[in-house]
Amino acid sequence: MRAHKGLPLNRIQNQFDPATGLQLESMEVTDGARLKAMVQNGKLVLLSLHMDHDETYGKR
């Protein structure tokens, strides 16, 4: 999944899914919007869409 050039995932430092313990990732959708996701068993699991870049990382 991470090797795919069309899906640039960025690990979110110190953020993990509480149910699985998996590292949370972000992916740019537009200039401001980002998806929060995780990779589970080789599949991309989309968790939320944030229209504000900083909101994705809990900076607000």
PDB file of N, CA and C in Angstrom:
ATOM      1  N   MET A   1       0.828  -1.193   0.000  1.00  0.00           N
ATOM      2  CA  MET A   1       0.000   0.000   0.000  1.00  0.00           C
ATOM      3  C   MET A   1       0.872   1.257   0.000  1.00  0.00           C
ATOM      4  N   ARG A   2       1.882   1.301   0.856  1.00  0.00           N
ATOM      5  CA  ARG A   2       2.717   2.501   0.956  1.00  0.00           C
ATOM      6  C   ARG A   2       3.579   2.714  -0.293  1.00  0.00           C
ATOM      7  N   ALA A   3       3.839   1.647  -1.034  1.00  0.00           N
ATOM      8  CA  ALA A   3       4.676   1.755  -2.224  1.00  0.00           C
ATOM      9  C   ALA A   3       3.925   2.345  -3.418  1.00  0.00           C
ATOM     10  N   HIS A   4       2.616   2.420  -3.351  1.00  0.00           N
ATOM     11  CA  HIS A   4       1.807   2.943  -4.457  1.00  0.00           C
ATOM     12  C   HIS A   4       2.035   4.444  -4.603  1.00  0.00           C
ATOM     13  N   LYS A   5       2.487   4.879  -5.774  1.00  0.00           N
ATOM     14  CA  LYS A   5       2.833   6.291  -6.000  1.00  0.00           C
ATOM     15  C   LYS A   5       1.604   7.201  -6.045  1.00  0.00           C
ATOM     16  N   GLY A   6       0.418   6.656  -6.352  1.00  0.00           N
ATOM     17  CA  GLY A   6      -0.786   7.466  -6.459  1.00  0.00           C
ATOM     18  C   GLY A   6      -1.474   7.732  -5.131  1.00  0.00           C
ATOM     19  N   LEU A   7      -1.025   7.078  -4.064  1.00  0.00           N
ATOM     20  CA  LEU A   7      -1.629   7.247  -2.743  1.00  0.00           C
ATOM     21  C   LEU A   7      -0.565   7.645  -1.726  1.00  0.00           C
ATOM     22  N   PRO A   8      -0.142   8.900  -1.756  1.00  0.00           N
ATOM     23  CA  PRO A   8       0.906   9.322  -0.823  1.00  0.00           C
ATOM     24  C   PRO A   8       0.370   9.478   0.607  1.00  0.00           C
ATOM     25  N   LEU A   9       0.699   8.526   1.455  1.00  0.00           N
ATOM     26  CA  LEU A   9       0.270   8.557   2.852  1.00  0.00           C
ATOM     27  C   LEU A   9       1.380   9.145   3.716  1.00  0.00           C
ATOM     28  N   ASN A  10       0.962   9.927   4.688  1.00  0.00           N
ATOM     29  CA  ASN A  10       1.904  10.516   5.641  1.00  0.00           C
ATOM     30  C   ASN A  10       1.498  10.076   7.038  1.00  0.00           C
ATOM     31  N   ARG A  11       2.427   9.484   7.761  1.00  0.00           N
ATOM     32  CA  ARG A  11       2.138   9.064   9.138  1.00  0.00           C
ATOM     33  C   ARG A  11       1.891  10.288  10.010  1.00  0.00           C
ATOM     34  N   ILE A  12       0.875  10.189  10.864  1.00  0.00           N
ATOM     35  CA  ILE A  12       0.573  11.268  11.812  1.00  0.00           C
ATOM     36  C   ILE A  12       1.266  10.897  13.121  1.00  0.00           C
ATOM     37  N   GLN A  13       2.213  11.703  13.503  1.00  0.00           N
ATOM     38  CA  GLN A  13       3.034  11.425  14.673  1.00  0.00           C
ATOM     39  C   GLN A  13       2.183  11.310  15.938  1.00  0.00           C
ATOM     40  N   ASN A  14       2.400  10.251  16.697  1.00  0.00           N
ATOM     41  CA  ASN A  14       1.759  10.006  17.988  1.00  0.00           C
ATOM     42  C   ASN A  14       0.241   9.883  17.917  1.00  0.00           C
ATOM     43  N   GLN A  15      -0.304   9.460  16.772  1.00  0.00           N
ATOM     44  CA  GLN A  15      -1.745   9.215  16.684  1.00  0.00           C
ATOM     45  C   GLN A  15      -1.975   7.783  16.213  1.00  0.00           C
ATOM     46  N   PHE A  16      -2.749   7.049  17.009  1.00  0.00           N
ATOM     47  CA  PHE A  16      -3.015   5.642  16.740  1.00  0.00           C
ATOM     48  C   PHE A  16      -4.511   5.369  16.899  1.00  0.00           C
ATOM     49  N   ASP A  17      -5.024   4.400  16.161  1.00  0.00           N
ATOM     50  CA  ASP A  17      -6.415   4.000  16.294  1.00  0.00           C
ATOM     51  C   ASP A  17      -6.594   3.332  17.647  1.00  0.00           C
ATOM     52  N   PRO A  18      -7.541   3.797  18.480  1.00  0.00           N
ATOM     53  CA  PRO A  18      -7.690   3.222  19.821  1.00  0.00           C
ATOM     54  C   PRO A  18      -8.129   1.752  19.814  1.00  0.00           C
ATOM     55  N   ALA A  19      -8.864   1.329  18.798  1.00  0.00           N
ATOM     56  CA  ALA A  19      -9.362  -0.047  18.759  1.00  0.00           C
ATOM     57  C   ALA A  19      -8.300  -1.049  18.304  1.00  0.00           C
ATOM     58  N   THR A  20      -7.441  -0.637  17.375  1.00  0.00           N
ATOM     59  CA  THR A  20      -6.472  -1.578  16.792  1.00  0.00           C
ATOM     60  C   THR A  20      -5.031  -1.273  17.171  1.00  0.00           C
ATOM     61  N   GLY A  21      -4.770  -0.036  17.568  1.00  0.00           N
ATOM     62  CA  GLY A  21      -3.398   0.375  17.869  1.00  0.00           C
ATOM     63  C   GLY A  21      -2.591   0.713  16.628  1.00  0.00           C
ATOM     64  N   LEU A  22      -3.234   0.700  15.454  1.00  0.00           N
ATOM     65  CA  LEU A  22      -2.520   0.991  14.209  1.00  0.00           C
ATOM     66  C   LEU A  22      -2.233   2.487  14.068  1.00  0.00           C
ATOM     67  N   GLN A  23      -1.105   2.774  13.453  1.00  0.00           N
ATOM     68  CA  GLN A  23      -0.677   4.148  13.163  1.00  0.00           C
ATOM     69  C   GLN A  23      -1.704   4.829  12.254  1.00  0.00           C
ATOM     70  N   LEU A  24      -2.071   6.089  12.577  1.00  0.00           N
ATOM     71  CA  LEU A  24      -2.951   6.851  11.708  1.00  0.00           C
ATOM     72  C   LEU A  24      -2.128   7.574  10.650  1.00  0.00           C
ATOM     73  N   GLU A  25      -2.724   7.718   9.498  1.00  0.00           N
ATOM     74  CA  GLU A  25      -2.068   8.325   8.338  1.00  0.00           C
ATOM     75  C   GLU A  25      -2.951   9.446   7.811  1.00  0.00           C
ATOM     76  N   SER A  26      -2.354  10.359   7.048  1.00  0.00           N
ATOM     77  CA  SER A  26      -3.137  11.392   6.376  1.00  0.00           C
ATOM     78  C   SER A  26      -2.803  11.368   4.894  1.00  0.00           C
ATOM     79  N   MET A  27      -3.756  11.854   4.108  1.00  0.00           N
ATOM     80  CA  MET A  27      -3.582  11.916   2.668  1.00  0.00           C
ATOM     81  C   MET A  27      -4.255  13.185   2.165  1.00  0.00           C
ATOM     82  N   GLU A  28      -3.540  13.957   1.361  1.00  0.00           N
ATOM     83  CA  GLU A  28      -4.066  15.202   0.809  1.00  0.00           C
ATOM     84  C   GLU A  28      -5.123  14.902  -0.255  1.00  0.00           C
ATOM     85  N   VAL A  29      -6.274  15.583  -0.139  1.00  0.00           N
ATOM     86  CA  VAL A  29      -7.349  15.441  -1.119  1.00  0.00           C
ATOM     87  C   VAL A  29      -7.382  16.673  -2.020  1.00  0.00           C
ATOM     88  N   THR A  30      -7.336  17.861  -1.387  1.00  0.00           N
ATOM     89  CA  THR A  30      -7.223  19.133  -2.099  1.00  0.00           C
ATOM     90  C   THR A  30      -6.165  19.952  -1.367  1.00  0.00           C
ATOM     91  N   ASP A  31      -5.990  21.206  -1.754  1.00  0.00           N
ATOM     92  CA  ASP A  31      -4.992  22.049  -1.086  1.00  0.00           C
ATOM     93  C   ASP A  31      -5.245  22.163   0.412  1.00  0.00           C
ATOM     94  N   GLY A  32      -6.509  22.163   0.839  1.00  0.00           N
ATOM     95  CA  GLY A  32      -6.810  22.319   2.256  1.00  0.00           C
ATOM     96  C   GLY A  32      -7.326  21.063   2.923  1.00  0.00           C
ATOM     97  N   ALA A  33      -7.997  20.202   2.187  1.00  0.00           N
ATOM     98  CA  ALA A  33      -8.648  19.032   2.778  1.00  0.00           C
ATOM     99  C   ALA A  33      -7.717  17.822   2.830  1.00  0.00           C
ATOM    100  N   ARG A  34      -7.850  17.063   3.921  1.00  0.00           N
ATOM    101  CA  ARG A  34      -7.055  15.855   4.094  1.00  0.00           C
ATOM    102  C   ARG A  34      -7.938  14.736   4.636  1.00  0.00           C
ATOM    103  N   LEU A  35      -7.600  13.512   4.265  1.00  0.00           N
ATOM    104  CA  LEU A  35      -8.244  12.330   4.811  1.00  0.00           C
ATOM    105  C   LEU A  35      -7.402  11.789   5.947  1.00  0.00           C
ATOM    106  N   LYS A  36      -8.056  11.293   6.978  1.00  0.00           N
ATOM    107  CA  LYS A  36      -7.360  10.553   8.026  1.00  0.00           C
ATOM    108  C   LYS A  36      -7.706   9.091   7.785  1.00  0.00           C
ATOM    109  N   ALA A  37      -6.693   8.232   7.768  1.00  0.00           N
ATOM    110  CA  ALA A  37      -6.886   6.834   7.422  1.00  0.00           C
ATOM    111  C   ALA A  37      -5.887   5.962   8.169  1.00  0.00           C
ATOM    112  N   MET A  38      -6.037   4.650   7.966  1.00  0.00           N
ATOM    113  CA  MET A  38      -5.046   3.697   8.475  1.00  0.00           C
ATOM    114  C   MET A  38      -4.982   2.543   7.485  1.00  0.00           C
ATOM    115  N   VAL A  39      -3.877   1.830   7.516  1.00  0.00           N
ATOM    116  CA  VAL A  39      -3.714   0.651   6.663  1.00  0.00           C
ATOM    117  C   VAL A  39      -3.873  -0.568   7.558  1.00  0.00           C
ATOM    118  N   GLN A  40      -4.899  -1.374   7.244  1.00  0.00           N
ATOM    119  CA  GLN A  40      -5.192  -2.560   8.046  1.00  0.00           C
ATOM    120  C   GLN A  40      -5.265  -3.766   7.120  1.00  0.00           C
ATOM    121  N   ASN A  41      -4.412  -4.745   7.366  1.00  0.00           N
ATOM    122  CA  ASN A  41      -4.355  -5.968   6.541  1.00  0.00           C
ATOM    123  C   ASN A  41      -4.186  -5.638   5.062  1.00  0.00           C
ATOM    124  N   GLY A  42      -3.356  -4.643   4.760  1.00  0.00           N
ATOM    125  CA  GLY A  42      -3.068  -4.274   3.383  1.00  0.00           C
ATOM    126  C   GLY A  42      -4.149  -3.446   2.706  1.00  0.00           C
ATOM    127  N   LYS A  43      -5.176  -3.048   3.443  1.00  0.00           N
ATOM    128  CA  LYS A  43      -6.269  -2.256   2.878  1.00  0.00           C
ATOM    129  C   LYS A  43      -6.310  -0.872   3.523  1.00  0.00           C
ATOM    130  N   LEU A  44      -6.644   0.112   2.715  1.00  0.00           N
ATOM    131  CA  LEU A  44      -6.765   1.481   3.205  1.00  0.00           C
ATOM    132  C   LEU A  44      -8.140   1.664   3.824  1.00  0.00           C
ATOM    133  N   VAL A  45      -8.172   2.029   5.098  1.00  0.00           N
ATOM    134  CA  VAL A  45      -9.418   2.251   5.823  1.00  0.00           C
ATOM    135  C   VAL A  45      -9.548   3.757   6.043  1.00  0.00           C
ATOM    136  N   LEU A  46     -10.548   4.373   5.406  1.00  0.00           N
ATOM    137  CA  LEU A  46     -10.772   5.813   5.543  1.00  0.00           C
ATOM    138  C   LEU A  46     -11.563   6.073   6.813  1.00  0.00           C
ATOM    139  N   LEU A  47     -11.042   6.974   7.647  1.00  0.00           N
ATOM    140  CA  LEU A  47     -11.670   7.232   8.938  1.00  0.00           C
ATOM    141  C   LEU A  47     -12.434   8.551   8.977  1.00  0.00           C
ATOM    142  N   SER A  48     -11.864   9.610   8.400  1.00  0.00           N
ATOM    143  CA  SER A  48     -12.537  10.905   8.443  1.00  0.00           C
ATOM    144  C   SER A  48     -11.969  11.836   7.380  1.00  0.00           C
ATOM    145  N   LEU A  49     -12.772  12.835   7.039  1.00  0.00           N
ATOM    146  CA  LEU A  49     -12.378  13.869   6.087  1.00  0.00           C
ATOM    147  C   LEU A  49     -12.337  15.190   6.835  1.00  0.00           C
ATOM    148  N   HIS A  50     -11.229  15.901   6.729  1.00  0.00           N
ATOM    149  CA  HIS A  50     -11.064  17.182   7.415  1.00  0.00           C
ATOM    150  C   HIS A  50     -10.869  18.272   6.366  1.00  0.00           C
ATOM    151  N   MET A  51     -11.748  19.246   6.383  1.00  0.00           N
ATOM    152  CA  MET A  51     -11.679  20.332   5.409  1.00  0.00           C
ATOM    153  C   MET A  51     -10.603  21.352   5.782  1.00  0.00           C
ATOM    154  N   ASP A  52     -10.157  21.331   7.021  1.00  0.00           N
ATOM    155  CA  ASP A  52      -9.107  22.215   7.495  1.00  0.00           C
ATOM    156  C   ASP A  52      -7.858  21.372   7.759  1.00  0.00           C
ATOM    157  N   HIS A  53      -6.755  21.718   7.127  1.00  0.00           N
ATOM    158  CA  HIS A  53      -5.499  20.960   7.229  1.00  0.00           C
ATOM    159  C   HIS A  53      -5.083  20.723   8.678  1.00  0.00           C
ATOM    160  N   ASP A  54      -5.079  21.773   9.501  1.00  0.00           N
ATOM    161  CA  ASP A  54      -4.616  21.651  10.882  1.00  0.00           C
ATOM    162  C   ASP A  54      -5.521  20.759  11.729  1.00  0.00           C
ATOM    163  N   GLU A  55      -6.810  20.732  11.420  1.00  0.00           N
ATOM    164  CA  GLU A  55      -7.764  19.918  12.168  1.00  0.00           C
ATOM    165  C   GLU A  55      -7.406  18.426  12.089  1.00  0.00           C
ATOM    166  N   THR A  56      -6.839  18.019  10.975  1.00  0.00           N
ATOM    167  CA  THR A  56      -6.445  16.624  10.784  1.00  0.00           C
ATOM    168  C   THR A  56      -5.448  16.187  11.843  1.00  0.00           C
ATOM    169  N   TYR A  57      -4.581  17.082  12.245  1.00  0.00           N
ATOM    170  CA  TYR A  57      -3.505  16.758  13.175  1.00  0.00           C
ATOM    171  C   TYR A  57      -3.823  17.157  14.616  1.00  0.00           C
ATOM    172  N   GLY A  58      -5.072  17.593  14.872  1.00  0.00           N
ATOM    173  CA  GLY A  58      -5.471  17.956  16.224  1.00  0.00           C
ATOM    174  C   GLY A  58      -4.893  19.274  16.696  1.00  0.00           C
ATOM    175  N   LYS A  59      -4.578  20.168  15.773  1.00  0.00           N
ATOM    176  CA  LYS A  59      -3.979  21.456  16.157  1.00  0.00           C
ATOM    177  C   LYS A  59      -5.021  22.504  16.475  1.00  0.00           C
ATOM    178  N   ARG A  60      -6.288  22.118  16.445  1.00  0.00           N
ATOM    179  CA  ARG A  60      -7.364  23.077  16.765  1.00  0.00           C
ATOM    180  C   ARG A  60      -8.212  22.543  17.864  1.00  0.00           C
TER     181      ARG A  60
END
